[in-house]
C-alpha atoms as a PDB file:
ATOM      1  CA  UNK A   1      42.188  -9.757 -10.070  1.00  0.00           C
ATOM      2  CA  UNK A   2      41.739 -12.686  -8.294  1.00  0.00           C
ATOM      3  CA  UNK A   3      39.590 -12.454  -4.825  1.00  0.00           C
ATOM      4  CA  UNK A   4      42.327 -15.471  -3.170  1.00  0.00           C
ATOM      5  CA  UNK A   5      41.980 -16.148   1.105  1.00  0.00           C
ATOM      6  CA  UNK A   6      44.754 -13.394   1.574  1.00  0.00           C
ATOM      7  CA  UNK A   7      43.419 -10.685  -0.318  1.00  0.00           C
ATOM      8  CA  UNK A   8      39.586 -11.355   1.160  1.00  0.00           C
ATOM      9  CA  UNK A   9      41.193 -11.394   5.013  1.00  0.00           C
ATOM     10  CA  UNK A  10      43.283  -8.467   4.344  1.00  0.00           C
ATOM     11  CA  UNK A  11      39.474  -6.705   2.875  1.00  0.00           C
ATOM     12  CA  UNK A  12      38.171  -7.672   6.026  1.00  0.00           C
ATOM     13  CA  UNK A  13      40.970  -6.644   8.676  1.00  0.00           C
ATOM     14  CA  UNK A  14      40.753  -3.194   7.004  1.00  0.00           C
ATOM     15  CA  UNK A  15      36.988  -2.842   7.486  1.00  0.00           C
ATOM     16  CA  UNK A  16      37.679  -4.445  10.754  1.00  0.00           C
ATOM     17  CA  UNK A  17      34.862  -7.179   9.860  1.00  0.00           C
ATOM     18  CA  UNK A  18      34.791 -11.257  11.084  1.00  0.00           C
ATOM     19  CA  UNK A  19      33.379 -13.673   9.656  1.00  0.00           C
ATOM     20  CA  UNK A  20      32.642 -17.614   9.977  1.00  0.00           C
ATOM     21  CA  UNK A  21      33.675 -19.777   7.340  1.00  0.00           C
ATOM     22  CA  UNK A  22      30.466 -19.802   6.058  1.00  0.00           C
ATOM     23  CA  UNK A  23      30.156 -16.041   5.540  1.00  0.00           C
ATOM     24  CA  UNK A  24      33.437 -16.036   4.282  1.00  0.00           C
ATOM     25  CA  UNK A  25      33.171 -18.426   1.576  1.00  0.00           C
ATOM     26  CA  UNK A  26      29.659 -16.802   0.140  1.00  0.00           C
ATOM     27  CA  UNK A  27      30.908 -13.369   0.211  1.00  0.00           C
ATOM     28  CA  UNK A  28      34.239 -14.155  -1.535  1.00  0.00           C
ATOM     29  CA  UNK A  29      32.474 -15.746  -4.152  1.00  0.00           C
ATOM     30  CA  UNK A  30      30.451 -12.325  -4.194  1.00  0.00           C
ATOM     31  CA  UNK A  31      33.583 -10.406  -4.575  1.00  0.00           C
ATOM     32  CA  UNK A  32      35.104 -12.584  -7.012  1.00  0.00           C
ATOM     33  CA  UNK A  33      31.894 -11.929  -9.260  1.00  0.00           C
ATOM     34  CA  UNK A  34      32.508  -8.137  -8.737  1.00  0.00           C
ATOM     35  CA  UNK A  35      35.509  -8.400  -9.798  1.00  0.00           C
ATOM     36  CA  UNK A  36      34.837 -10.441 -13.044  1.00  0.00           C
ATOM     37  CA  UNK A  37      32.308  -8.148 -13.892  1.00  0.00           C
ATOM     38  CA  UNK A  38      34.135  -4.983 -13.446  1.00  0.00           C
ATOM     39  CA  UNK A  39      37.356  -6.616 -15.448  1.00  0.00           C
ATOM     40  CA  UNK A  40      34.282  -7.790 -18.152  1.00  0.00           C
ATOM     41  CA  UNK A  41      34.171  -3.810 -18.540  1.00  0.00           C
ATOM     42  CA  UNK A  42      37.571  -3.692 -19.535  1.00  0.00           C
ATOM     43  CA  UNK A  43      36.994  -4.840 -22.836  1.00  0.00           C
ATOM     44  CA  UNK A  44      34.095  -2.417 -23.546  1.00  0.00           C
ATOM     45  CA  UNK A  45      35.965   0.058 -26.546  1.00  0.00           C
ATOM     46  CA  UNK A  46      35.233   3.206 -25.638  1.00  0.00           C
ATOM     47  CA  UNK A  47      37.527   5.023 -27.973  1.00  0.00           C
ATOM     48  CA  UNK A  48      35.613   8.487 -28.878  1.00  0.00           C
ATOM     49  CA  UNK A  49      33.134   8.329 -26.072  1.00  0.00           C
ATOM     50  CA  UNK A  50      33.602  11.379 -23.511  1.00  0.00           C
ATOM     51  CA  UNK A  51      33.340  11.046 -19.802  1.00  0.00           C
ATOM     52  CA  UNK A  52      30.287  11.985 -18.420  1.00  0.00           C
ATOM     53  CA  UNK A  53      30.905  14.439 -15.387  1.00  0.00           C
ATOM     54  CA  UNK A  54      27.377  15.036 -14.383  1.00  0.00           C
ATOM     55  CA  UNK A  55      24.379  12.120 -15.279  1.00  0.00           C
ATOM     56  CA  UNK A  56      21.735  15.130 -16.379  1.00  0.00           C
ATOM     57  CA  UNK A  57      22.382  17.927 -18.516  1.00  0.00           C
ATOM     58  CA  UNK A  58      20.794  20.217 -15.254  1.00  0.00           C
ATOM     59  CA  UNK A  59      23.569  22.428 -14.207  1.00  0.00           C
ATOM     60  CA  UNK A  60      23.575  24.569 -10.758  1.00  0.00           C
ATOM     61  CA  UNK A  61      20.269  23.460  -9.504  1.00  0.00           C
ATOM     62  CA  UNK A  62      21.331  24.689  -5.854  1.00  0.00           C
ATOM     63  CA  UNK A  63      18.465  26.416  -4.128  1.00  0.00           C
ATOM     64  CA  UNK A  64      18.571  30.062  -3.266  1.00  0.00           C
ATOM     65  CA  UNK A  65      20.049  30.685   0.584  1.00  0.00           C
ATOM     66  CA  UNK A  66      17.242  31.778   2.612  1.00  0.00           C
ATOM     67  CA  UNK A  67      18.224  33.547   6.098  1.00  0.00           C
ATOM     68  CA  UNK A  68      15.922  31.588   8.993  1.00  0.00           C
ATOM     69  CA  UNK A  69      15.651  31.874  12.505  1.00  0.00           C
ATOM     70  CA  UNK A  70      17.258  29.607  14.713  1.00  0.00           C
ATOM     71  CA  UNK A  71      16.792  27.475  16.985  1.00  0.00           C
ATOM     72  CA  UNK A  72      17.189  29.319  21.024  1.00  0.00           C
ATOM     73  CA  UNK A  73      19.801  27.598  22.904  1.00  0.00           C
ATOM     74  CA  UNK A  74      17.003  26.946  26.125  1.00  0.00           C
ATOM     75  CA  UNK A  75      14.949  25.103  23.452  1.00  0.00           C
ATOM     76  CA  UNK A  76      18.394  23.209  22.111  1.00  0.00           C
ATOM     77  CA  UNK A  77      19.345  21.948  25.791  1.00  0.00           C
ATOM     78  CA  UNK A  78      15.587  21.404  26.576  1.00  0.00           C
ATOM     79  CA  UNK A  79      16.026  17.932  25.518  1.00  0.00           C
ATOM     80  CA  UNK A  80      19.581  17.612  26.227  1.00  0.00           C
ATOM     81  CA  UNK A  81      20.043  14.085  28.716  1.00  0.00           C
ATOM     82  CA  UNK A  82      23.158  16.271  30.821  1.00  0.00           C
ATOM     83  CA  UNK A  83      23.636  19.717  30.478  1.00  0.00           C
ATOM     84  CA  UNK A  84      26.427  22.154  31.447  1.00  0.00           C
ATOM     85  CA  UNK A  85      24.981  25.748  31.894  1.00  0.00           C
ATOM     86  CA  UNK A  86      25.251  26.594  28.067  1.00  0.00           C
ATOM     87  CA  UNK A  87      26.856  23.757  26.646  1.00  0.00           C
ATOM     88  CA  UNK A  88      25.807  20.058  25.557  1.00  0.00           C
ATOM     89  CA  UNK A  89      27.896  17.925  28.334  1.00  0.00           C
ATOM     90  CA  UNK A  90      29.535  14.898  26.455  1.00  0.00           C
ATOM     91  CA  UNK A  91      31.095  12.094  27.685  1.00  0.00           C
ATOM     92  CA  UNK A  92      35.638  12.185  26.817  1.00  0.00           C
ATOM     93  CA  UNK A  93      36.119  10.411  23.566  1.00  0.00           C
ATOM     94  CA  UNK A  94      39.657  11.511  23.274  1.00  0.00           C
ATOM     95  CA  UNK A  95      42.741  10.489  25.690  1.00  0.00           C
ATOM     96  CA  UNK A  96      46.068  11.894  25.710  1.00  0.00           C
END
């Protein structure tokens, strides 16, 4: 796969990124090298190699759930820049 200008511009648009021409050339070169590396991996014969599901042999290394106290409402609101009685007050982010 070749990372041409069209592919690069599409990726930049999807990521909502803007680059100068110098940055674009450098990043496009780096992306092309990454794709070439992954394509080189496709040359490996993986016949008979089981997929790795986990990077270690450890199974279920979870901590036990411990019921602990929680911060009180007053303590949580103590450092709030704006509050409305029992709630944090934040700017509206969803417009109808």
